Amino acid sequence: MSDRELEQLAELISETTAARGVDVYAVDVCGLSASEWAEMTGRDRSTVSRNIRRTRD
């Protein structure tokens, strides 16, 4: 992970709850879909999608 990627992650986490920030980072920066990220983390797709939606609102 580059320094810039770490900076982006830190910004997202500081602006939102940690889970929301990490979810948005995985989708926006890493290019994963919400479904892919949910599967990778063993979480419910609707939870990940909701976190992303709430962060963007």
N, C-alpha and C. Protein backbone atom coordinates (compact mmCIF):
# COMPACT_ATOMS: atom_id res chain seq x y z
N MET A 1 0.85 -1.17 0.00
CA MET A 1 0.00 0.00 0.00
C MET A 1 0.90 1.23 0.00
N SER A 2 0.61 2.14 -0.90
CA SER A 2 1.44 3.34 -1.01
C SER A 2 1.09 4.34 0.09
N ASP A 3 1.95 5.33 0.25
CA ASP A 3 1.68 6.38 1.24
C ASP A 3 0.39 7.11 0.92
N ARG A 4 0.16 7.37 -0.35
CA ARG A 4 -1.07 8.07 -0.75
C ARG A 4 -2.30 7.24 -0.40
N GLU A 5 -2.24 5.95 -0.64
CA GLU A 5 -3.37 5.08 -0.31
C GLU A 5 -3.62 5.07 1.20
N LEU A 6 -2.55 5.07 1.97
CA LEU A 6 -2.71 5.12 3.42
C LEU A 6 -3.32 6.44 3.87
N GLU A 7 -2.91 7.53 3.22
CA GLU A 7 -3.49 8.84 3.53
C GLU A 7 -4.98 8.86 3.22
N GLN A 8 -5.35 8.28 2.08
CA GLN A 8 -6.77 8.23 1.71
C GLN A 8 -7.56 7.42 2.73
N LEU A 9 -7.01 6.31 3.15
CA LEU A 9 -7.67 5.47 4.14
C LEU A 9 -7.85 6.23 5.45
N ALA A 10 -6.82 6.91 5.88
CA ALA A 10 -6.89 7.67 7.13
C ALA A 10 -7.95 8.77 7.04
N GLU A 11 -8.03 9.44 5.90
CA GLU A 11 -9.03 10.49 5.72
C GLU A 11 -10.44 9.92 5.80
N LEU A 12 -10.66 8.82 5.13
CA LEU A 12 -11.99 8.21 5.13
C LEU A 12 -12.40 7.75 6.52
N ILE A 13 -11.46 7.17 7.25
CA ILE A 13 -11.77 6.69 8.59
C ILE A 13 -12.02 7.86 9.53
N SER A 14 -11.26 8.93 9.38
CA SER A 14 -11.45 10.07 10.28
C SER A 14 -12.77 10.79 10.02
N GLU A 15 -13.28 10.70 8.81
CA GLU A 15 -14.52 11.38 8.45
C GLU A 15 -15.76 10.57 8.77
N THR A 16 -15.62 9.29 8.99
CA THR A 16 -16.76 8.41 9.22
C THR A 16 -16.40 7.40 10.30
N THR A 17 -17.33 6.51 10.57
CA THR A 17 -16.97 5.42 11.47
C THR A 17 -15.94 4.57 10.76
N ALA A 18 -15.18 3.82 11.49
CA ALA A 18 -14.10 3.02 10.89
C ALA A 18 -14.63 2.05 9.84
N ALA A 19 -15.68 1.33 10.14
CA ALA A 19 -16.20 0.34 9.18
C ALA A 19 -16.65 1.02 7.89
N ARG A 20 -17.34 2.12 8.02
CA ARG A 20 -17.79 2.83 6.82
C ARG A 20 -16.61 3.31 6.00
N GLY A 21 -15.61 3.87 6.67
CA GLY A 21 -14.44 4.36 5.96
C GLY A 21 -13.70 3.27 5.22
N VAL A 22 -13.56 2.13 5.86
CA VAL A 22 -12.86 1.02 5.23
C VAL A 22 -13.68 0.46 4.07
N ASP A 23 -15.00 0.39 4.24
CA ASP A 23 -15.86 -0.09 3.16
C ASP A 23 -15.76 0.81 1.93
N VAL A 24 -15.82 2.10 2.14
CA VAL A 24 -15.72 3.05 1.02
C VAL A 24 -14.34 2.95 0.38
N TYR A 25 -13.31 2.82 1.17
CA TYR A 25 -11.95 2.68 0.65
C TYR A 25 -11.84 1.45 -0.25
N ALA A 26 -12.38 0.33 0.22
CA ALA A 26 -12.30 -0.92 -0.55
C ALA A 26 -13.00 -0.77 -1.90
N VAL A 27 -14.11 -0.05 -1.91
CA VAL A 27 -14.87 0.11 -3.15
C VAL A 27 -14.28 1.21 -4.03
N ASP A 28 -14.06 2.39 -3.48
CA ASP A 28 -13.62 3.53 -4.29
C ASP A 28 -12.15 3.46 -4.69
N VAL A 29 -11.29 3.06 -3.78
CA VAL A 29 -9.85 3.08 -4.06
C VAL A 29 -9.35 1.75 -4.63
N CYS A 30 -9.80 0.66 -4.02
CA CYS A 30 -9.33 -0.66 -4.46
C CYS A 30 -10.12 -1.21 -5.64
N GLY A 31 -11.28 -0.61 -5.92
CA GLY A 31 -12.05 -1.01 -7.09
C GLY A 31 -12.90 -2.25 -6.92
N LEU A 32 -13.13 -2.67 -5.69
CA LEU A 32 -13.98 -3.83 -5.45
C LEU A 32 -15.44 -3.42 -5.47
N SER A 33 -16.31 -4.36 -5.77
CA SER A 33 -17.74 -4.08 -5.63
C SER A 33 -18.11 -4.30 -4.17
N ALA A 34 -19.24 -3.74 -3.77
CA ALA A 34 -19.70 -3.94 -2.39
C ALA A 34 -19.90 -5.42 -2.11
N SER A 35 -20.40 -6.15 -3.09
CA SER A 35 -20.62 -7.60 -2.92
C SER A 35 -19.30 -8.35 -2.75
N GLU A 36 -18.31 -7.99 -3.56
CA GLU A 36 -17.00 -8.64 -3.45
C GLU A 36 -16.39 -8.39 -2.07
N TRP A 37 -16.46 -7.13 -1.63
CA TRP A 37 -15.88 -6.76 -0.34
C TRP A 37 -16.61 -7.47 0.80
N ALA A 38 -17.92 -7.53 0.71
CA ALA A 38 -18.71 -8.21 1.75
C ALA A 38 -18.31 -9.68 1.82
N GLU A 39 -18.16 -10.31 0.68
CA GLU A 39 -17.78 -11.72 0.65
C GLU A 39 -16.38 -11.92 1.23
N MET A 40 -15.46 -11.04 0.87
CA MET A 40 -14.08 -11.16 1.37
C MET A 40 -14.01 -10.99 2.88
N THR A 41 -14.87 -10.16 3.44
CA THR A 41 -14.83 -9.87 4.87
C THR A 41 -15.82 -10.70 5.67
N GLY A 42 -16.62 -11.52 4.98
CA GLY A 42 -17.59 -12.36 5.68
C GLY A 42 -18.74 -11.57 6.27
N ARG A 43 -19.05 -10.43 5.66
CA ARG A 43 -20.13 -9.58 6.17
C ARG A 43 -21.30 -9.60 5.21
N ASP A 44 -22.44 -9.15 5.69
CA ASP A 44 -23.64 -9.11 4.88
C ASP A 44 -23.52 -8.02 3.81
N ARG A 45 -23.92 -8.35 2.59
CA ARG A 45 -23.83 -7.39 1.48
C ARG A 45 -24.63 -6.12 1.75
N SER A 46 -25.80 -6.29 2.36
CA SER A 46 -26.64 -5.12 2.61
C SER A 46 -25.99 -4.16 3.61
N THR A 47 -25.25 -4.70 4.56
CA THR A 47 -24.56 -3.86 5.54
C THR A 47 -23.47 -3.04 4.87
N VAL A 48 -22.69 -3.70 4.04
CA VAL A 48 -21.61 -3.00 3.33
C VAL A 48 -22.20 -1.94 2.40
N SER A 49 -23.21 -2.30 1.65
CA SER A 49 -23.85 -1.35 0.73
C SER A 49 -24.42 -0.16 1.49
N ARG A 50 -25.05 -0.42 2.62
CA ARG A 50 -25.63 0.66 3.43
C ARG A 50 -24.53 1.59 3.95
N ASN A 51 -23.42 1.01 4.41
CA ASN A 51 -22.30 1.83 4.90
C ASN A 51 -21.79 2.75 3.80
N ILE A 52 -21.66 2.22 2.61
CA ILE A 52 -21.16 3.02 1.49
C ILE A 52 -22.15 4.12 1.15
N ARG A 53 -23.41 3.77 1.08
CA ARG A 53 -24.45 4.76 0.76
C ARG A 53 -24.49 5.87 1.80
N ARG A 54 -24.43 5.52 3.07
CA ARG A 54 -24.48 6.52 4.14
C ARG A 54 -23.27 7.44 4.12
N THR A 55 -22.14 6.91 3.77
CA THR A 55 -20.93 7.73 3.71
C THR A 55 -21.02 8.74 2.58
N ARG A 56 -21.62 8.35 1.49
CA ARG A 56 -21.72 9.23 0.32
C ARG A 56 -22.84 10.26 0.46
N ASP A 57 -23.79 10.02 1.34
CA ASP A 57 -24.92 10.95 1.52
C ASP A 57 -24.52 12.21 2.23
